[in-house]
Amino acid sequence: MPNFTKFNKEIFLKRRRNLIGITIIITLYFLAGIELNEINILGNKASIENPIVVSSILWVFFYYFLYRYWIYLKSNGSNTKVNNELKFYHIDIRIDVNKTVSPMLKKMAIKQNNEKYEKDYLIEVLETRIFDIHQFTGSHNRKNTLLSKAELSSLIKPDISNEEESYEGVQVTVRCYKAFFWPVYIYKTTKHIFINQSLSEYYLPYLLSIIPVIIFIKAIILFLYNYISKLSCLT
């Protein structure tokens, strides 16, 4: 693998263009039902008898361009300019996600901690609280995976300016499955990719590549289904 010491904008744009181009071609070819019966090579026409060859070539080019684009970004991940831009938007997405899920997590916190604290007290304490879902860790000695149940245990010191009442630190624990955050994370990430030019420049090709990947998975499932059906008919 080449060792890129400096981020080359021209190489990046070329690989980005190749990936987006093959993505559009595959999408039109399979979803729009475009048929390619012949090709023109230096003025000579050649007919295509087997359309599977065309689709196979398209898939080879797609995964090749996807791999080359991923390798280049990965190799230049330590580049200061690129790294700083991506870090900035990752933090922006994280803040946006936390603001969205915090109201739901507050309700969970009130319900799961009502034996330790009174409901009204928790509502007042959590009023200005913003939970950070990145602080969630695996619970019950289970591996910390996206499908595992996670917990957030936090000592909250509310900033409530009331001379008559004093609030001590409140130890609040929230437990939920990490998959709970998937829809919000996907939506917020997609939104930021489209509205932020710098972010879309790097991640839009990945987002568009989801369409061919879905088409490919669907084709594999259909092939396996037909194959199993034929075997069932034979038996």
Protein backbone atom coordinates (compact mmCIF):
# COMPACT_ATOMS: atom_id res chain seq x y z
CA MET A 1 0.00 0.00 0.00
CA PRO A 2 1.43 3.42 -0.92
CA ASN A 3 2.60 5.61 1.91
CA PHE A 4 1.06 9.02 1.26
CA THR A 5 2.87 11.64 3.30
CA LYS A 6 0.91 14.58 1.93
CA PHE A 7 -2.78 14.86 1.09
CA ASN A 8 -3.06 15.26 -2.67
CA LYS A 9 -6.32 17.00 -3.56
CA GLU A 10 -6.17 15.98 -7.22
CA ILE A 11 -5.75 12.27 -6.39
CA PHE A 12 -8.54 12.50 -3.81
CA LEU A 13 -10.95 14.17 -6.26
CA LYS A 14 -10.11 11.60 -8.95
CA ARG A 15 -10.89 8.66 -6.67
CA ARG A 16 -13.98 10.40 -5.34
CA ARG A 17 -15.17 11.02 -8.91
CA ASN A 18 -14.53 7.39 -9.89
CA LEU A 19 -16.53 6.04 -6.94
CA ILE A 20 -19.47 8.40 -7.46
CA GLY A 21 -19.44 7.69 -11.21
CA ILE A 22 -19.56 3.90 -10.89
CA THR A 23 -22.22 4.25 -8.18
CA ILE A 24 -24.46 6.25 -10.54
CA ILE A 25 -23.85 3.80 -13.40
CA ILE A 26 -24.75 0.76 -11.26
CA THR A 27 -27.84 2.50 -9.87
CA LEU A 28 -29.11 3.39 -13.34
CA TYR A 29 -28.20 -0.01 -14.79
CA PHE A 30 -30.01 -2.07 -12.18
CA LEU A 31 -32.83 0.21 -10.99
CA ALA A 32 -33.70 1.87 -14.31
CA GLY A 33 -33.44 -1.43 -16.19
CA ILE A 34 -30.92 -0.19 -18.76
CA GLU A 35 -29.85 -2.93 -21.17
CA LEU A 36 -26.43 -2.93 -22.81
CA ASN A 37 -26.54 -5.12 -25.91
CA GLU A 38 -23.47 -3.89 -27.74
CA ILE A 39 -20.36 -1.77 -27.27
CA ASN A 40 -18.35 0.35 -29.70
CA ILE A 41 -14.59 -0.26 -29.68
CA LEU A 42 -12.64 2.07 -32.01
CA GLY A 43 -15.55 2.15 -34.45
CA ASN A 44 -16.14 -1.59 -34.31
CA LYS A 45 -19.38 -2.78 -32.75
CA ALA A 46 -19.33 -5.84 -30.51
CA SER A 47 -22.53 -7.51 -29.36
CA ILE A 48 -22.94 -8.72 -25.81
CA GLU A 49 -24.66 -12.08 -25.60
CA ASN A 50 -24.37 -12.61 -21.82
CA PRO A 51 -25.55 -9.63 -19.67
CA ILE A 52 -24.10 -11.30 -16.55
CA VAL A 53 -20.63 -10.38 -17.85
CA VAL A 54 -21.58 -6.68 -17.87
CA SER A 55 -22.98 -6.74 -14.34
CA SER A 56 -19.95 -8.68 -13.10
CA ILE A 57 -17.57 -6.10 -14.57
CA LEU A 58 -19.57 -3.28 -13.00
CA TRP A 59 -19.38 -4.91 -9.56
CA VAL A 60 -15.63 -5.48 -9.89
CA PHE A 61 -15.09 -1.80 -10.75
CA PHE A 62 -17.41 -0.65 -7.95
CA TYR A 63 -15.66 -2.57 -5.18
CA TYR A 64 -12.24 -1.68 -6.63
CA PHE A 65 -13.02 2.07 -6.64
CA LEU A 66 -14.60 1.81 -3.17
CA TYR A 67 -11.49 0.08 -1.83
CA ARG A 68 -9.14 2.61 -3.45
CA TYR A 69 -11.12 5.55 -2.05
CA TRP A 70 -11.22 4.04 1.44
CA ILE A 71 -7.49 3.25 1.36
CA TYR A 72 -6.58 6.80 0.33
CA LEU A 73 -8.67 8.43 3.05
CA LYS A 74 -7.39 5.96 5.62
CA SER A 75 -3.78 6.55 4.57
CA ASN A 76 -4.24 10.31 4.91
CA GLY A 77 -6.26 10.20 8.12
CA SER A 78 -3.38 11.77 10.06
CA ASN A 79 -3.21 14.72 7.66
CA THR A 80 -3.71 17.85 9.79
CA LYS A 81 -6.18 19.64 7.54
CA VAL A 82 -8.35 16.60 6.82
CA ASN A 83 -8.19 15.35 10.40
CA ASN A 84 -9.16 18.72 11.88
CA GLU A 85 -12.12 19.12 9.51
CA LEU A 86 -13.48 15.64 10.25
CA LYS A 87 -12.94 15.97 14.02
CA PHE A 88 -14.83 19.26 14.06
CA TYR A 89 -17.87 17.78 12.32
CA HIS A 90 -17.76 14.57 14.38
CA ILE A 91 -18.04 16.71 17.52
CA ASP A 92 -20.86 18.71 15.91
CA ILE A 93 -22.78 15.49 15.13
CA ARG A 94 -22.15 14.19 18.65
CA ILE A 95 -23.60 17.34 20.22
CA ASP A 96 -26.62 17.23 17.91
CA VAL A 97 -27.30 13.56 18.73
CA ASN A 98 -26.95 14.16 22.47
CA LYS A 99 -29.44 17.04 22.37
CA THR A 100 -31.96 14.83 20.54
CA VAL A 101 -31.70 11.73 22.74
CA SER A 102 -31.35 13.54 26.09
CA PRO A 103 -35.13 14.09 26.60
CA MET A 104 -35.71 10.35 26.07
CA LEU A 105 -32.84 9.43 28.38
CA LYS A 106 -34.19 11.79 31.04
CA LYS A 107 -37.50 9.90 31.02
CA MET A 108 -35.61 6.61 31.36
CA ALA A 109 -33.50 8.06 34.17
CA ILE A 110 -36.57 9.20 36.09
CA LYS A 111 -38.26 5.82 35.66
CA GLN A 112 -35.19 3.73 36.51
CA ASN A 113 -34.12 5.82 39.53
CA ASN A 114 -37.50 6.53 41.12
CA GLU A 115 -36.71 4.22 44.04
CA LYS A 116 -33.67 6.30 44.98
CA TYR A 117 -35.09 9.78 44.42
CA GLU A 118 -38.52 11.37 44.23
CA LYS A 119 -39.87 11.98 40.74
CA ASP A 120 -40.29 15.75 41.11
CA TYR A 121 -36.78 16.03 42.50
CA LEU A 122 -35.30 14.12 39.55
CA ILE A 123 -37.27 16.20 37.04
CA GLU A 124 -35.86 19.39 38.51
CA VAL A 125 -32.32 18.03 38.74
CA LEU A 126 -32.32 16.69 35.17
CA GLU A 127 -33.98 19.74 33.64
CA THR A 128 -30.79 21.22 32.18
CA ARG A 129 -28.90 17.94 31.91
CA ILE A 130 -27.50 16.86 28.50
CA PHE A 131 -26.49 13.20 28.44
CA ASP A 132 -23.43 12.17 26.43
CA ILE A 133 -24.16 8.80 24.83
CA HIS A 134 -20.44 8.28 24.17
CA GLN A 135 -20.02 7.76 27.91
CA PHE A 136 -22.20 4.65 27.81
CA THR A 137 -20.31 1.47 28.64
CA GLY A 138 -21.18 -2.22 28.55
CA SER A 139 -22.96 -3.47 31.65
CA HIS A 140 -23.27 -6.79 33.47
CA ASN A 141 -19.75 -7.79 32.33
CA ARG A 142 -20.97 -8.07 28.74
CA LYS A 143 -18.89 -7.11 25.77
CA ASN A 144 -19.38 -3.47 24.84
CA THR A 145 -20.87 -3.96 21.35
CA LEU A 146 -23.55 -2.06 19.46
CA LEU A 147 -26.10 -4.76 20.28
CA SER A 148 -25.22 -5.04 23.97
CA LYS A 149 -27.10 -3.42 26.80
CA ALA A 150 -25.24 -0.33 27.96
CA GLU A 151 -25.38 1.91 30.99
CA LEU A 152 -24.51 5.48 31.84
CA SER A 153 -23.70 6.09 35.49
CA SER A 154 -23.18 9.75 36.21
CA LEU A 155 -22.88 12.03 39.25
CA ILE A 156 -25.00 15.05 38.44
CA LYS A 157 -24.42 18.32 40.25
CA PRO A 158 -27.30 20.55 39.13
CA ASP A 159 -26.78 24.26 38.77
CA ILE A 160 -29.93 25.49 40.49
CA SER A 161 -29.70 28.96 42.01
CA ASN A 162 -32.04 28.65 44.97
CA GLU A 163 -30.86 29.88 48.36
CA GLU A 164 -33.64 28.09 50.23
CA GLU A 165 -32.78 24.61 48.92
CA SER A 166 -29.43 22.87 48.55
CA TYR A 167 -28.92 20.03 46.05
CA GLU A 168 -26.29 17.40 46.57
CA GLY A 169 -24.78 15.29 43.81
CA VAL A 170 -27.31 12.85 42.31
CA GLN A 171 -26.00 9.47 41.15
CA VAL A 172 -28.16 8.58 38.14
CA THR A 173 -27.81 5.35 36.18
CA VAL A 174 -29.54 4.81 32.83
CA ARG A 175 -29.62 1.39 31.16
CA CYS A 176 -30.74 0.77 27.59
CA TYR A 177 -29.66 -1.06 24.45
CA LYS A 178 -27.14 0.84 22.34
CA ALA A 179 -29.19 0.06 19.21
CA PHE A 180 -31.67 2.58 20.68
CA PHE A 181 -29.41 5.35 19.33
CA TRP A 182 -28.97 3.97 15.80
CA PRO A 183 -31.87 5.75 14.06
CA VAL A 184 -30.94 9.12 15.58
CA TYR A 185 -27.26 8.69 14.78
CA ILE A 186 -27.94 7.66 11.18
CA TYR A 187 -30.37 10.53 10.64
CA LYS A 188 -28.11 13.19 12.18
CA THR A 189 -25.01 11.93 10.37
CA THR A 190 -26.83 11.89 7.02
CA LYS A 191 -28.18 15.39 7.64
CA HIS A 192 -24.74 16.79 8.46
CA ILE A 193 -23.18 15.10 5.43
CA PHE A 194 -25.62 16.89 3.13
CA ILE A 195 -25.57 20.33 4.79
CA ASN A 196 -21.82 20.61 5.51
CA GLN A 197 -19.71 20.96 2.38
CA SER A 198 -16.43 19.76 3.91
CA LEU A 199 -18.09 16.71 5.44
CA SER A 200 -20.00 15.84 2.28
CA GLU A 201 -16.79 16.08 0.27
CA TYR A 202 -15.33 13.14 2.20
CA TYR A 203 -18.39 11.06 3.18
CA LEU A 204 -20.97 11.62 0.43
CA PRO A 205 -19.37 8.90 -1.78
CA TYR A 206 -19.74 6.44 1.12
CA LEU A 207 -23.37 7.45 1.59
CA LEU A 208 -24.17 7.03 -2.10
CA SER A 209 -22.36 3.68 -2.11
CA ILE A 210 -25.05 2.30 0.18
CA ILE A 211 -27.40 2.04 -2.82
CA PRO A 212 -25.20 -0.37 -4.85
CA VAL A 213 -24.44 -2.38 -1.71
CA ILE A 214 -28.18 -2.82 -1.08
CA ILE A 215 -28.68 -3.82 -4.73
CA PHE A 216 -25.84 -6.35 -4.42
CA ILE A 217 -27.21 -7.85 -1.18
CA LYS A 218 -30.69 -8.06 -2.72
CA ALA A 219 -29.27 -9.85 -5.78
CA ILE A 220 -27.43 -12.37 -3.57
CA ILE A 221 -30.56 -13.06 -1.51
CA LEU A 222 -32.64 -13.49 -4.69
CA PHE A 223 -30.04 -15.85 -6.16
CA LEU A 224 -29.95 -17.98 -2.99
CA TYR A 225 -33.75 -18.03 -2.82
CA ASN A 226 -34.06 -19.23 -6.43
CA TYR A 227 -31.30 -21.79 -5.92
CA ILE A 228 -32.96 -23.21 -2.78
CA SER A 229 -36.33 -23.25 -4.57
CA LYS A 230 -34.85 -25.29 -7.43
CA LEU A 231 -33.31 -27.75 -4.98
CA SER A 232 -36.67 -28.10 -3.22
CA CYS A 233 -38.40 -28.83 -6.53
CA LEU A 234 -35.86 -31.54 -7.35
CA THR A 235 -36.39 -33.29 -4.05
